[in-house]
Amino acid sequence: MSKKYILALLTAVAAFGVYANVLNSGLVWDDHYHVSRFSLRFNSLASLFLPTDLKGAIMVFYRPLIGLTYLFDYSIWFDNPFGYHLTNILFHAANTLLLYFITNKVFKSATVAFLSSMLFAVHPIHTESVSWISGRTDVVATTFVFLSMLAHIEFKERDNKIAIIPAALFFALAMFSKEIAVGAIIVFAMYDLIISEQKRLEPLPYICYGALIILYLIMRQAYLANTVVEMNFKPFTDISTIFFSSIAFYLYKFFYPVNLNLYIFEIPYKSLFLMAGIFLFATLVVLFIKKKRIYFFLIASFLITIMPSISGAFTTVLSPPFAERYLYLPSAFLCIGVAYSASKFEKYSKYCIIPVVLVLAILTYNRNELWKSELLLWEDTIKKTNHWYPKSEYARSLLSNGRLDEALRMFGDSLSVAVQNNAKEKSLSGIFNNIGRVYLEMGDVDKALIYFNKAISSDKTNPIPYHNIGEVFLSKANEINKRTFYLKHAEDNFMRALDNDPYLFESYLGLGDVFFMSGDLKTAESCYLKVIKLAPNTSYSAEAVKGLLRPEMLKVK
């Protein structure tokens, strides 16, 4: 095996090794949805790529290929987090390898390729993308951007027109993974004009890329046409401030990756970062004028790949508006820049970079430890962000761990901050519902009902408080003298929950029990079968099977 491949393999091993402690981590934040529910609802290629009924679904983006990775994981691992984490780490290791080969092709230097890919492998800014199952969007998209770029370079440098086919295919797959990949076409064009030997654009690949972008946008629009998203743009002065300050902020995060934060609601020291961002653009102009083509290409590529994520902060859609995971793809160009600069001191670079890599690897390994538990992760986050959402998530983690008094206090704190910050009614609904859950766990049913109803008053489209009220009334139905009353109210609330989310299989299970206790065995059977259809191989389908195997149910024809 040649030295080139040995070095490449070492970077991939480093990428896998530094994240090995994530393999025994659990589910955090959105992982519960993507692992436990996403694959049950979007269980076919058609449901991922083509317009479908999105009622009750958590859908803001069109990323069908990410959904496909969840389907793949679910088919093998079901709801075991190990396999999902393994997929993330393998994609990251693959990206490290690909970055090595791209850099080696462009710079014809094993040193630059090794240093840049090693920095990329162990950099702690990537923990949010790799350690968090739901953060894989950037990781998977980057894989296909890198593959497309490799094929594009092959076409450009060797005039291999066949290479346009994989370049276009991987470019399409990158867009279907995350919309930020659209900007890769500009990176490719800059490579052609600035870095390649010919210094000119060939129209054929860009005709293919352009056609694929149009196809992607048409499919995306058709898929999300019926979703309702409040996209309120911020004032222009705020947008310009956000634009320049966030660029400098992300650079700061890359070069000083300590005190990492899961929920970045606003940029600190905004004025300072604003001036730094403007200075960076001025530097870019100077690099262009002085024809420092390598540095210009790398900084410009960083800006192009980070801009789509920054533009999300111009609206009220993204929450939080800033995130460390957005640096995953852009950081590759910064890693190359650092490695290229270090290579100028050929004699000492490899020795200087070793302690840097070791420090970064330790920081990454330690940060991964927080991702093992929601309780640890959100506890760390609320120390760094005074926002209602992390407080609410931390309270939810406390509730899951049975620390009810602490959960109730933290939900109260979250509610207070949410009201002060004029949070949306939908957000307040979630907090009210969770407070109701705490009281229910405490055995105070009356207070629980009060807060479930407050949740409904705040957002009548939220199916969860309806379901919870249905569960409360169903639990009371053993009182013979009021059984009919309680069953009727349980049925009404389960039905309202399903009106808002037809895929809420828990409510079908509740309805099955309601109809069984009411003597309507045929309808009970259909509800239990619906649970089995919507949630196969889960504890809910197991409960539905138990319902179907009751002696009375076995007599149903």
Protein backbone atom coordinates (compact mmCIF):
# COMPACT_ATOMS: atom_id res chain seq x y z
CA MET A 1 0.00 0.00 0.00
CA SER A 2 1.41 3.40 -1.01
CA LYS A 3 2.13 6.19 1.45
CA LYS A 4 -0.80 8.19 0.03
CA TYR A 5 -3.34 5.53 0.93
CA ILE A 6 -1.78 4.86 4.32
CA LEU A 7 -2.09 8.54 5.25
CA ALA A 8 -5.67 8.64 3.96
CA LEU A 9 -6.55 5.58 6.01
CA LEU A 10 -5.00 7.13 9.13
CA THR A 11 -7.29 10.18 8.82
CA ALA A 12 -10.36 7.95 8.49
CA VAL A 13 -9.30 5.91 11.52
CA ALA A 14 -8.85 9.15 13.48
CA ALA A 15 -12.31 10.33 12.40
CA PHE A 16 -13.89 7.09 13.59
CA GLY A 17 -11.82 6.79 16.75
CA VAL A 18 -12.49 10.26 18.09
CA TYR A 19 -16.26 9.62 17.85
CA ALA A 20 -16.20 6.01 19.05
CA ASN A 21 -17.51 7.07 22.48
CA VAL A 22 -20.72 8.26 20.79
CA LEU A 23 -21.72 4.72 19.80
CA ASN A 24 -23.27 4.00 23.20
CA SER A 25 -25.10 7.33 23.34
CA GLY A 26 -28.87 7.54 23.45
CA LEU A 27 -31.43 9.73 21.72
CA VAL A 28 -31.49 13.49 22.23
CA TRP A 29 -33.78 16.28 21.06
CA ASP A 30 -35.19 15.58 17.56
CA ASP A 31 -33.72 12.06 17.56
CA HIS A 32 -36.85 10.76 19.29
CA TYR A 33 -38.92 11.80 16.28
CA HIS A 34 -36.49 10.67 13.59
CA VAL A 35 -35.80 7.28 15.17
CA SER A 36 -39.18 6.43 16.68
CA ARG A 37 -41.67 8.07 14.30
CA PHE A 38 -40.18 9.28 11.03
CA SER A 39 -39.63 5.82 9.56
CA LEU A 40 -43.12 4.74 10.59
CA ARG A 41 -44.76 7.59 8.72
CA PHE A 42 -42.47 8.02 5.71
CA ASN A 43 -41.98 4.34 4.98
CA SER A 44 -41.56 4.35 1.20
CA LEU A 45 -39.57 6.13 -1.50
CA ALA A 46 -42.74 7.76 -2.82
CA SER A 47 -43.57 9.28 0.58
CA LEU A 48 -40.05 10.74 0.79
CA PHE A 49 -39.68 12.18 -2.71
CA LEU A 50 -43.22 12.91 -3.92
CA PRO A 51 -46.04 15.13 -2.57
CA THR A 52 -47.94 13.44 0.25
CA ASP A 53 -50.25 14.19 3.16
CA LEU A 54 -48.09 16.14 5.62
CA LYS A 55 -50.85 16.84 8.15
CA GLY A 56 -49.43 16.52 11.62
CA ALA A 57 -45.89 15.97 10.33
CA ILE A 58 -42.85 17.96 11.38
CA MET A 59 -41.85 19.12 7.88
CA VAL A 60 -40.21 22.39 6.97
CA PHE A 61 -37.51 21.15 4.61
CA TYR A 62 -37.33 18.86 1.61
CA ARG A 63 -34.51 16.40 2.32
CA PRO A 64 -35.67 13.02 1.02
CA LEU A 65 -32.25 11.40 0.99
CA ILE A 66 -31.84 12.01 4.72
CA GLY A 67 -35.18 10.30 5.21
CA LEU A 68 -33.86 7.40 3.18
CA THR A 69 -30.93 7.01 5.58
CA TYR A 70 -33.40 6.83 8.48
CA LEU A 71 -35.40 4.16 6.65
CA PHE A 72 -32.19 2.22 6.05
CA ASP A 73 -31.17 2.43 9.70
CA TYR A 74 -34.65 1.53 10.90
CA SER A 75 -34.75 -1.54 8.65
CA ILE A 76 -31.64 -2.87 10.40
CA TRP A 77 -31.65 -1.41 13.90
CA PHE A 78 -35.29 -0.46 14.54
CA ASP A 79 -35.07 2.01 17.45
CA ASN A 80 -31.58 1.04 18.68
CA PRO A 81 -29.53 4.29 18.70
CA PHE A 82 -26.23 2.42 18.19
CA GLY A 83 -26.82 1.83 14.49
CA TYR A 84 -27.91 5.40 13.82
CA HIS A 85 -24.79 6.77 15.52
CA LEU A 86 -22.67 4.28 13.57
CA THR A 87 -24.10 5.62 10.30
CA ASN A 88 -23.21 9.19 11.26
CA ILE A 89 -19.65 8.25 12.18
CA LEU A 90 -19.12 6.22 9.00
CA PHE A 91 -20.29 9.15 6.86
CA HIS A 92 -17.90 11.44 8.75
CA ALA A 93 -15.01 9.02 8.23
CA ALA A 94 -15.90 8.84 4.53
CA ASN A 95 -15.90 12.64 4.30
CA THR A 96 -12.46 12.73 5.87
CA LEU A 97 -11.18 10.31 3.22
CA LEU A 98 -12.81 12.26 0.40
CA LEU A 99 -11.36 15.54 1.65
CA TYR A 100 -7.91 13.92 1.62
CA PHE A 101 -8.26 12.85 -2.01
CA ILE A 102 -9.73 16.21 -3.12
CA THR A 103 -6.94 18.16 -1.46
CA ASN A 104 -4.28 15.83 -2.81
CA LYS A 105 -5.67 16.22 -6.34
CA VAL A 106 -5.77 20.01 -6.13
CA PHE A 107 -2.50 20.71 -4.29
CA LYS A 108 -0.50 17.65 -5.37
CA SER A 109 0.76 17.48 -1.80
CA ALA A 110 0.30 14.56 0.60
CA THR A 111 1.28 16.87 3.47
CA VAL A 112 -1.50 19.39 2.80
CA ALA A 113 -3.99 16.58 2.20
CA PHE A 114 -3.05 14.77 5.41
CA LEU A 115 -3.02 17.85 7.64
CA SER A 116 -6.29 19.26 6.31
CA SER A 117 -8.20 15.98 6.53
CA MET A 118 -6.78 15.22 10.00
CA LEU A 119 -7.94 18.62 11.23
CA PHE A 120 -11.34 17.95 9.69
CA ALA A 121 -11.49 14.48 11.28
CA VAL A 122 -11.02 15.60 14.89
CA HIS A 123 -12.30 19.19 14.97
CA PRO A 124 -14.82 19.64 17.83
CA ILE A 125 -17.00 22.03 15.81
CA HIS A 126 -18.30 18.89 14.08
CA THR A 127 -19.65 17.23 17.22
CA GLU A 128 -23.16 18.60 16.72
CA SER A 129 -23.27 17.16 13.21
CA VAL A 130 -21.72 13.78 14.00
CA SER A 131 -22.68 13.03 17.62
CA TRP A 132 -26.31 14.05 17.13
CA ILE A 133 -28.26 11.59 14.98
CA SER A 134 -30.51 14.35 13.62
CA GLY A 135 -27.45 16.43 12.74
CA ARG A 136 -26.54 14.08 9.91
CA THR A 137 -28.07 16.34 7.26
CA ASP A 138 -24.84 18.34 6.85
CA VAL A 139 -22.69 15.21 7.07
CA VAL A 140 -24.56 13.31 4.33
CA ALA A 141 -24.86 16.38 2.09
CA THR A 142 -21.12 16.95 2.43
CA THR A 143 -20.40 13.37 1.34
CA PHE A 144 -22.17 13.92 -1.98
CA VAL A 145 -20.73 17.42 -2.46
CA PHE A 146 -17.24 15.96 -2.05
CA LEU A 147 -18.00 13.07 -4.42
CA SER A 148 -19.39 15.49 -6.98
CA MET A 149 -16.36 17.73 -6.61
CA LEU A 150 -13.98 14.80 -7.11
CA ALA A 151 -15.79 13.83 -10.31
CA HIS A 152 -15.88 17.46 -11.47
CA ILE A 153 -12.12 17.81 -10.94
CA GLU A 154 -11.61 14.55 -12.87
CA PHE A 155 -13.61 16.02 -15.77
CA LYS A 156 -11.79 19.33 -15.65
CA GLU A 157 -8.22 18.14 -15.29
CA ARG A 158 -8.37 15.10 -17.59
CA ASP A 159 -11.10 16.22 -19.99
CA ASN A 160 -12.99 13.06 -19.05
CA LYS A 161 -16.53 13.84 -20.19
CA ILE A 162 -17.85 10.58 -18.71
CA ALA A 163 -17.04 12.06 -15.29
CA ILE A 164 -19.85 14.60 -15.79
CA ILE A 165 -22.37 11.81 -15.17
CA PRO A 166 -21.24 10.97 -11.59
CA ALA A 167 -20.56 14.66 -10.92
CA ALA A 168 -24.17 15.55 -11.81
CA LEU A 169 -25.61 12.51 -10.03
CA PHE A 170 -23.78 13.23 -6.77
CA PHE A 171 -24.67 16.92 -7.04
CA ALA A 172 -28.35 15.97 -7.23
CA LEU A 173 -28.02 13.60 -4.27
CA ALA A 174 -26.33 16.38 -2.28
CA MET A 175 -29.28 18.73 -2.91
CA PHE A 176 -31.73 15.99 -1.94
CA SER A 177 -29.78 15.71 1.32
CA LYS A 178 -29.75 19.41 2.20
CA GLU A 179 -30.52 22.57 0.29
CA ILE A 180 -27.12 24.14 1.12
CA ALA A 181 -25.58 21.92 -1.58
CA VAL A 182 -26.99 24.23 -4.27
CA GLY A 183 -24.09 26.59 -3.54
CA ALA A 184 -21.59 23.93 -4.60
CA ILE A 185 -22.11 24.96 -8.23
CA ILE A 186 -20.45 28.31 -7.42
CA VAL A 187 -17.55 26.55 -5.70
CA PHE A 188 -17.06 24.40 -8.80
CA ALA A 189 -17.14 27.47 -11.03
CA MET A 190 -14.57 29.25 -8.86
CA TYR A 191 -12.36 26.18 -9.04
CA ASP A 192 -12.57 26.18 -12.83
CA LEU A 193 -11.78 29.89 -13.12
CA ILE A 194 -9.22 30.29 -10.35
CA ILE A 195 -7.53 26.96 -9.53
CA SER A 196 -7.67 24.71 -12.59
CA GLU A 197 -4.95 24.85 -15.20
CA GLN A 198 -7.31 25.90 -18.04
CA LYS A 199 -8.88 28.81 -16.06
CA ARG A 200 -12.14 28.65 -18.01
CA LEU A 201 -15.68 27.32 -17.68
CA GLU A 202 -16.90 24.40 -19.74
CA PRO A 203 -20.65 24.85 -20.36
CA LEU A 204 -21.69 21.17 -20.41
CA PRO A 205 -21.43 20.35 -16.68
CA TYR A 206 -23.11 23.62 -15.71
CA ILE A 207 -26.02 22.94 -18.05
CA CYS A 208 -26.44 19.62 -16.24
CA TYR A 209 -26.10 21.20 -12.77
CA GLY A 210 -28.52 23.99 -13.70
CA ALA A 211 -31.13 21.56 -15.01
CA LEU A 212 -30.86 19.52 -11.82
CA ILE A 213 -31.28 22.63 -9.67
CA ILE A 214 -34.48 23.50 -11.55
CA LEU A 215 -35.76 19.93 -11.17
CA TYR A 216 -34.93 19.96 -7.46
CA LEU A 217 -36.70 23.29 -6.90
CA ILE A 218 -39.81 22.07 -8.75
CA MET A 219 -39.95 18.86 -6.70
CA ARG A 220 -39.30 20.76 -3.47
CA GLN A 221 -42.06 23.27 -4.20
CA ALA A 222 -44.53 20.50 -5.06
CA TYR A 223 -43.67 18.56 -1.90
CA LEU A 224 -43.94 21.48 0.51
CA ALA A 225 -46.75 23.33 -1.28
CA ASN A 226 -49.33 22.54 1.40
CA THR A 227 -47.14 23.21 4.43
CA VAL A 228 -47.72 26.43 6.30
CA VAL A 229 -44.50 28.15 7.39
CA GLU A 230 -44.37 31.64 8.86
CA MET A 231 -41.39 33.17 7.05
CA ASN A 232 -41.25 36.71 8.40
CA PHE A 233 -38.11 38.49 7.21
CA LYS A 234 -36.27 40.74 9.62
CA PRO A 235 -35.61 44.44 8.78
CA PHE A 236 -32.84 45.11 6.25
CA THR A 237 -30.56 46.75 8.83
CA ASP A 238 -30.83 43.64 11.00
CA ILE A 239 -30.15 41.40 8.01
CA SER A 240 -26.93 43.23 7.06
CA THR A 241 -25.76 43.14 10.68
CA ILE A 242 -26.55 39.43 10.97
CA PHE A 243 -24.80 38.72 7.68
CA PHE A 244 -21.42 40.26 8.54
CA SER A 245 -21.39 39.45 12.25
CA SER A 246 -22.38 35.80 11.79
CA ILE A 247 -19.58 35.20 9.27
CA ALA A 248 -17.01 36.45 11.78
CA PHE A 249 -18.77 34.56 14.58
CA TYR A 250 -18.54 31.27 12.71
CA LEU A 251 -14.85 31.88 11.98
CA TYR A 252 -14.32 32.54 15.68
CA LYS A 253 -16.10 29.27 16.51
CA PHE A 254 -13.81 27.38 14.13
CA PHE A 255 -10.55 28.81 15.47
CA TYR A 256 -11.64 28.79 19.13
CA PRO A 257 -13.87 25.71 19.54
CA VAL A 258 -14.46 25.85 23.28
CA ASN A 259 -17.67 26.47 25.21
CA LEU A 260 -19.63 24.90 22.38
CA ASN A 261 -23.34 25.48 22.63
CA LEU A 262 -26.26 23.48 21.28
CA TYR A 263 -28.67 26.43 21.21
CA ILE A 264 -27.19 29.70 19.93
CA PHE A 265 -30.05 32.17 19.91
CA GLU A 266 -28.03 35.32 19.35
CA ILE A 267 -24.48 36.38 18.56
CA PRO A 268 -22.58 37.85 21.52
CA TYR A 269 -20.47 40.97 21.09
CA LYS A 270 -22.36 41.68 17.87
CA SER A 271 -20.64 45.00 17.16
CA LEU A 272 -17.20 43.45 17.42
CA PHE A 273 -18.12 40.55 15.14
CA LEU A 274 -19.78 43.00 12.72
CA MET A 275 -16.53 44.92 12.27
CA ALA A 276 -14.60 41.65 11.94
CA GLY A 277 -17.00 40.43 9.25
CA ILE A 278 -16.62 43.63 7.23
CA PHE A 279 -12.83 43.37 7.59
CA LEU A 280 -12.97 39.79 6.28
CA PHE A 281 -14.77 40.93 3.13
CA ALA A 282 -12.23 43.70 2.67
CA THR A 283 -9.48 41.08 3.01
CA LEU A 284 -11.18 38.97 0.36
CA VAL A 285 -11.14 41.93 -2.04
CA VAL A 286 -7.44 42.50 -1.36
CA LEU A 287 -6.68 38.82 -1.99
CA PHE A 288 -8.51 39.03 -5.30
CA ILE A 289 -6.67 42.18 -6.37
CA LYS A 290 -3.29 40.76 -5.38
CA LYS A 291 -4.15 37.48 -7.13
CA LYS A 292 -3.65 35.33 -4.06
CA ARG A 293 -5.78 32.75 -5.81
CA ILE A 294 -5.48 29.86 -3.33
CA TYR A 295 -6.50 31.90 -0.29
CA PHE A 296 -9.17 33.72 -2.25
CA PHE A 297 -10.68 30.44 -3.43
CA LEU A 298 -10.67 28.89 0.05
CA ILE A 299 -12.15 31.91 1.84
CA ALA A 300 -14.70 32.50 -0.92
CA SER A 301 -15.70 28.81 -0.82
CA PHE A 302 -16.15 29.07 2.95
CA LEU A 303 -18.41 32.09 2.47
CA ILE A 304 -20.43 30.49 -0.32
CA THR A 305 -21.09 27.30 1.66
CA ILE A 306 -21.96 29.09 4.92
CA MET A 307 -24.24 31.69 3.29
CA PRO A 308 -27.32 29.45 2.88
CA SER A 309 -27.27 28.74 6.62
CA ILE A 310 -26.72 32.40 7.46
CA SER A 311 -29.68 33.38 5.27
CA GLY A 312 -31.89 31.22 7.46
CA ALA A 313 -31.20 33.66 10.31
CA PHE A 314 -32.77 36.44 8.21
CA THR A 315 -36.19 34.88 8.87
CA THR A 316 -38.08 33.53 11.87
CA VAL A 317 -38.09 29.95 10.52
CA LEU A 318 -34.88 28.57 12.03
CA SER A 319 -34.76 28.01 15.76
CA PRO A 320 -32.09 28.51 16.84
CA PRO A 321 -30.99 30.84 14.02
CA PHE A 322 -27.32 29.95 14.49
CA ALA A 323 -25.80 26.50 14.95
CA GLU A 324 -22.36 24.95 15.06
CA ARG A 325 -23.46 22.16 12.72
CA TYR A 326 -23.76 24.70 9.90
CA LEU A 327 -19.96 24.83 9.86
CA TYR A 328 -19.52 21.19 8.86
CA LEU A 329 -19.07 21.67 5.09
CA PRO A 330 -17.63 25.23 5.20
CA SER A 331 -15.01 24.16 7.76
CA ALA A 332 -13.42 21.85 5.19
CA PHE A 333 -12.13 24.87 3.27
CA LEU A 334 -10.79 26.42 6.48
CA CYS A 335 -9.02 23.16 7.33
CA ILE A 336 -7.41 23.19 3.90
CA GLY A 337 -6.37 26.83 4.40
CA VAL A 338 -4.73 26.07 7.74
CA ALA A 339 -2.96 23.03 6.31
CA TYR A 340 -1.82 24.93 3.20
CA SER A 341 -0.40 27.72 5.37
CA ALA A 342 1.36 25.19 7.63
CA SER A 343 2.86 23.47 4.61
CA LYS A 344 4.78 26.65 3.81
CA PHE A 345 6.98 25.68 6.74
CA GLU A 346 7.58 22.18 5.41
CA LYS A 347 10.29 21.31 7.91
CA TYR A 348 8.22 22.06 11.01
CA SER A 349 4.56 21.82 9.98
CA LYS A 350 4.03 18.15 10.75
CA TYR A 351 5.46 18.63 14.25
CA CYS A 352 3.47 21.77 14.99
CA ILE A 353 0.20 20.23 13.89
CA ILE A 354 0.46 17.13 16.11
CA PRO A 355 -0.23 18.91 19.43
CA VAL A 356 -3.03 20.92 17.76
CA VAL A 357 -4.68 17.73 16.50
CA LEU A 358 -4.32 16.09 19.92
CA VAL A 359 -5.91 19.06 21.70
CA LEU A 360 -8.78 19.16 19.22
CA ALA A 361 -9.30 15.40 19.55
CA ILE A 362 -9.49 15.68 23.36
CA LEU A 363 -11.98 18.55 23.09
CA THR A 364 -14.10 16.50 20.68
CA TYR A 365 -14.00 13.39 22.85
CA ASN A 366 -15.02 15.37 25.94
CA ARG A 367 -17.81 17.17 24.09
CA ASN A 368 -19.14 13.81 22.92
CA GLU A 369 -19.63 12.78 26.54
CA LEU A 370 -22.32 15.45 26.90
CA TRP A 371 -24.19 14.02 23.91
CA LYS A 372 -24.65 10.71 25.73
CA SER A 373 -27.50 12.06 27.84
CA GLU A 374 -30.21 14.64 27.23
CA LEU A 375 -29.98 15.59 30.88
CA LEU A 376 -26.27 16.41 30.62
CA LEU A 377 -26.61 18.13 27.25
CA TRP A 378 -29.45 20.44 28.19
CA GLU A 379 -27.97 21.13 31.62
CA ASP A 380 -24.84 22.34 29.85
CA THR A 381 -26.90 24.35 27.35
CA ILE A 382 -28.96 26.32 29.89
CA LYS A 383 -25.73 27.51 31.48
CA LYS A 384 -24.81 29.18 28.19
CA THR A 385 -28.18 30.33 26.84
CA ASN A 386 -30.93 32.18 28.68
CA HIS A 387 -33.74 31.10 26.38
CA TRP A 388 -37.01 29.40 27.17
CA TYR A 389 -36.51 26.50 24.76
CA PRO A 390 -33.37 24.92 26.32
CA LYS A 391 -34.97 25.37 29.73
CA SER A 392 -38.07 23.55 28.51
CA GLU A 393 -35.99 20.70 27.06
CA TYR A 394 -33.99 20.42 30.27
CA ALA A 395 -37.24 20.28 32.24
CA ARG A 396 -38.50 17.54 29.91
CA SER A 397 -35.32 15.58 30.60
CA LEU A 398 -35.84 16.01 34.34
CA LEU A 399 -39.39 14.72 33.91
CA SER A 400 -38.15 11.68 32.00
CA ASN A 401 -35.74 10.95 34.85
CA GLY A 402 -38.47 11.20 37.49
CA ARG A 403 -37.20 14.43 39.05
CA LEU A 404 -40.67 15.91 39.15
CA ASP A 405 -40.22 18.85 41.54
CA GLU A 406 -37.17 20.08 39.62
CA ALA A 407 -38.99 19.59 36.33
CA LEU A 408 -41.96 21.63 37.53
CA ARG A 409 -39.73 24.49 38.65
CA MET A 410 -37.79 24.47 35.37
CA PHE A 411 -40.96 24.40 33.26
CA GLY A 412 -42.19 27.38 35.29
CA ASP A 413 -38.92 29.20 34.58
CA SER A 414 -39.20 28.31 30.89
CA LEU A 415 -42.79 29.58 30.75
CA SER A 416 -41.82 32.85 32.41
CA VAL A 417 -39.00 33.51 29.92
CA ALA A 418 -41.21 32.45 27.00
CA VAL A 419 -43.90 34.95 27.97
CA GLN A 420 -41.30 37.72 28.42
CA ASN A 421 -39.88 36.97 24.97
CA ASN A 422 -43.31 36.92 23.32
CA ALA A 423 -42.94 33.29 22.29
CA LYS A 424 -45.46 31.90 19.83
CA GLU A 425 -48.69 30.41 21.12
CA LYS A 426 -47.62 27.04 19.73
CA SER A 427 -44.53 27.16 21.95
CA LEU A 428 -46.58 28.05 25.02
CA SER A 429 -48.88 25.14 24.22
CA GLY A 430 -45.97 22.72 24.44
CA ILE A 431 -44.87 24.07 27.81
CA PHE A 432 -48.42 23.95 29.24
CA ASN A 433 -48.80 20.38 28.04
CA ASN A 434 -45.56 19.31 29.71
CA ILE A 435 -46.52 20.98 32.97
CA GLY A 436 -49.73 18.96 32.77
CA ARG A 437 -47.64 15.80 32.34
CA VAL A 438 -45.67 16.63 35.49
CA TYR A 439 -48.85 17.06 37.52
CA LEU A 440 -50.19 13.81 36.08
CA GLU A 441 -47.04 12.01 37.23
CA MET A 442 -47.50 13.60 40.65
CA GLY A 443 -51.02 12.21 40.78
CA ASP A 444 -52.74 15.62 40.68
CA VAL A 445 -55.18 14.87 37.84
CA ASP A 446 -57.23 18.05 38.27
CA LYS A 447 -54.21 20.34 37.83
CA ALA A 448 -53.02 18.20 34.94
CA LEU A 449 -56.34 18.72 33.15
CA ILE A 450 -56.13 22.46 33.77
CA TYR A 451 -52.76 22.67 32.01
CA PHE A 452 -53.75 20.32 29.19
CA ASN A 453 -56.70 22.62 28.51
CA LYS A 454 -54.39 25.66 28.66
CA ALA A 455 -52.25 23.93 26.04
CA ILE A 456 -55.31 23.53 23.81
CA SER A 457 -56.34 27.15 24.34
CA SER A 458 -52.89 28.27 23.23
CA ASP A 459 -52.84 26.05 20.13
CA LYS A 460 -55.91 24.11 19.06
CA THR A 461 -53.89 22.29 16.39
CA ASN A 462 -51.61 20.61 18.93
CA PRO A 463 -52.76 16.96 19.08
CA ILE A 464 -50.81 15.95 22.19
CA PRO A 465 -52.89 17.65 24.93
CA TYR A 466 -56.07 16.19 23.39
CA HIS A 467 -54.48 12.76 23.55
CA ASN A 468 -53.37 13.29 27.15
CA ILE A 469 -56.87 14.35 28.19
CA GLY A 470 -58.21 11.26 26.46
CA GLU A 471 -55.80 9.11 28.50
CA VAL A 472 -56.96 10.79 31.72
CA PHE A 473 -60.63 10.09 31.01
CA LEU A 474 -59.86 6.55 29.88
CA SER A 475 -58.06 5.88 33.17
CA LYS A 476 -61.18 7.04 35.03
CA ALA A 477 -63.51 4.77 33.06
CA ASN A 478 -63.19 1.98 35.63
CA GLU A 479 -65.63 3.92 37.79
CA ILE A 480 -68.80 2.00 36.91
CA ASN A 481 -71.28 4.76 37.73
CA LYS A 482 -69.56 7.26 35.39
CA ARG A 483 -68.10 4.88 32.81
CA THR A 484 -70.24 6.11 29.90
CA PHE A 485 -69.41 9.74 30.68
CA TYR A 486 -65.67 9.15 30.87
CA LEU A 487 -65.55 6.91 27.80
CA LYS A 488 -67.43 9.49 25.76
CA HIS A 489 -65.01 12.26 26.76
CA ALA A 490 -62.03 9.98 26.14
CA GLU A 491 -63.34 9.15 22.66
CA ASP A 492 -63.96 12.81 21.83
CA ASN A 493 -60.43 13.84 22.80
CA PHE A 494 -58.73 10.94 21.04
CA MET A 495 -60.70 11.82 17.89
CA ARG A 496 -59.66 15.48 18.16
CA ALA A 497 -56.04 14.42 18.49
CA LEU A 498 -56.36 12.34 15.32
CA ASP A 499 -58.05 15.21 13.49
CA ASN A 500 -54.83 17.17 14.00
CA ASP A 501 -52.49 14.25 13.39
CA PRO A 502 -53.96 11.21 11.61
CA TYR A 503 -50.73 9.29 12.28
CA LEU A 504 -50.83 9.57 16.08
CA PHE A 505 -50.99 5.84 16.69
CA GLU A 506 -51.18 6.27 20.49
CA SER A 507 -54.62 7.77 20.05
CA TYR A 508 -55.77 4.82 17.94
CA LEU A 509 -54.61 2.53 20.74
CA GLY A 510 -56.60 4.61 23.24
CA LEU A 511 -59.65 4.49 20.99
CA GLY A 512 -59.31 0.73 20.74
CA ASP A 513 -59.54 0.49 24.53
CA VAL A 514 -62.46 2.95 24.60
CA PHE A 515 -64.49 0.96 22.07
CA PHE A 516 -63.61 -2.32 23.76
CA MET A 517 -64.90 -1.03 27.11
CA SER A 518 -67.98 0.38 25.34
CA GLY A 519 -68.74 -3.03 23.80
CA ASP A 520 -68.13 -1.92 20.21
CA LEU A 521 -65.71 -4.76 19.51
CA LYS A 522 -65.68 -4.40 15.72
CA THR A 523 -64.57 -0.76 15.90
CA ALA A 524 -62.08 -1.65 18.64
CA GLU A 525 -60.58 -4.27 16.31
CA SER A 526 -60.16 -1.76 13.48
CA CYS A 527 -58.41 0.67 15.86
CA TYR A 528 -55.99 -1.97 17.11
CA LEU A 529 -55.23 -3.02 13.53
CA LYS A 530 -54.58 0.62 12.65
CA VAL A 531 -51.97 0.79 15.41
CA ILE A 532 -50.24 -2.32 14.06
CA LYS A 533 -50.24 -0.81 10.56
CA LEU A 534 -48.90 2.60 11.65
CA ALA A 535 -46.40 1.44 14.27
CA PRO A 536 -45.21 -2.11 13.54
CA ASN A 537 -42.52 -3.62 15.73
CA THR A 538 -43.11 -1.14 18.56
CA SER A 539 -44.41 -1.40 22.11
CA TYR A 540 -47.65 0.17 20.87
CA SER A 541 -48.26 -2.55 18.30
CA ALA A 542 -47.49 -5.11 21.02
CA GLU A 543 -50.22 -3.54 23.17
CA ALA A 544 -52.58 -3.58 20.21
CA VAL A 545 -51.92 -7.30 19.70
CA LYS A 546 -52.71 -7.88 23.38
CA GLY A 547 -55.99 -6.06 22.83
CA LEU A 548 -56.83 -8.25 19.85
CA LEU A 549 -56.06 -11.41 21.82
CA ARG A 550 -58.57 -10.69 24.55
CA PRO A 551 -61.11 -13.55 24.70
CA GLU A 552 -63.97 -11.21 23.78
CA MET A 553 -62.07 -9.88 20.75
CA LEU A 554 -61.31 -13.36 19.44
CA LYS A 555 -65.03 -13.88 18.92
CA VAL A 556 -65.30 -10.91 16.54
CA LYS A 557 -66.00 -11.95 12.97
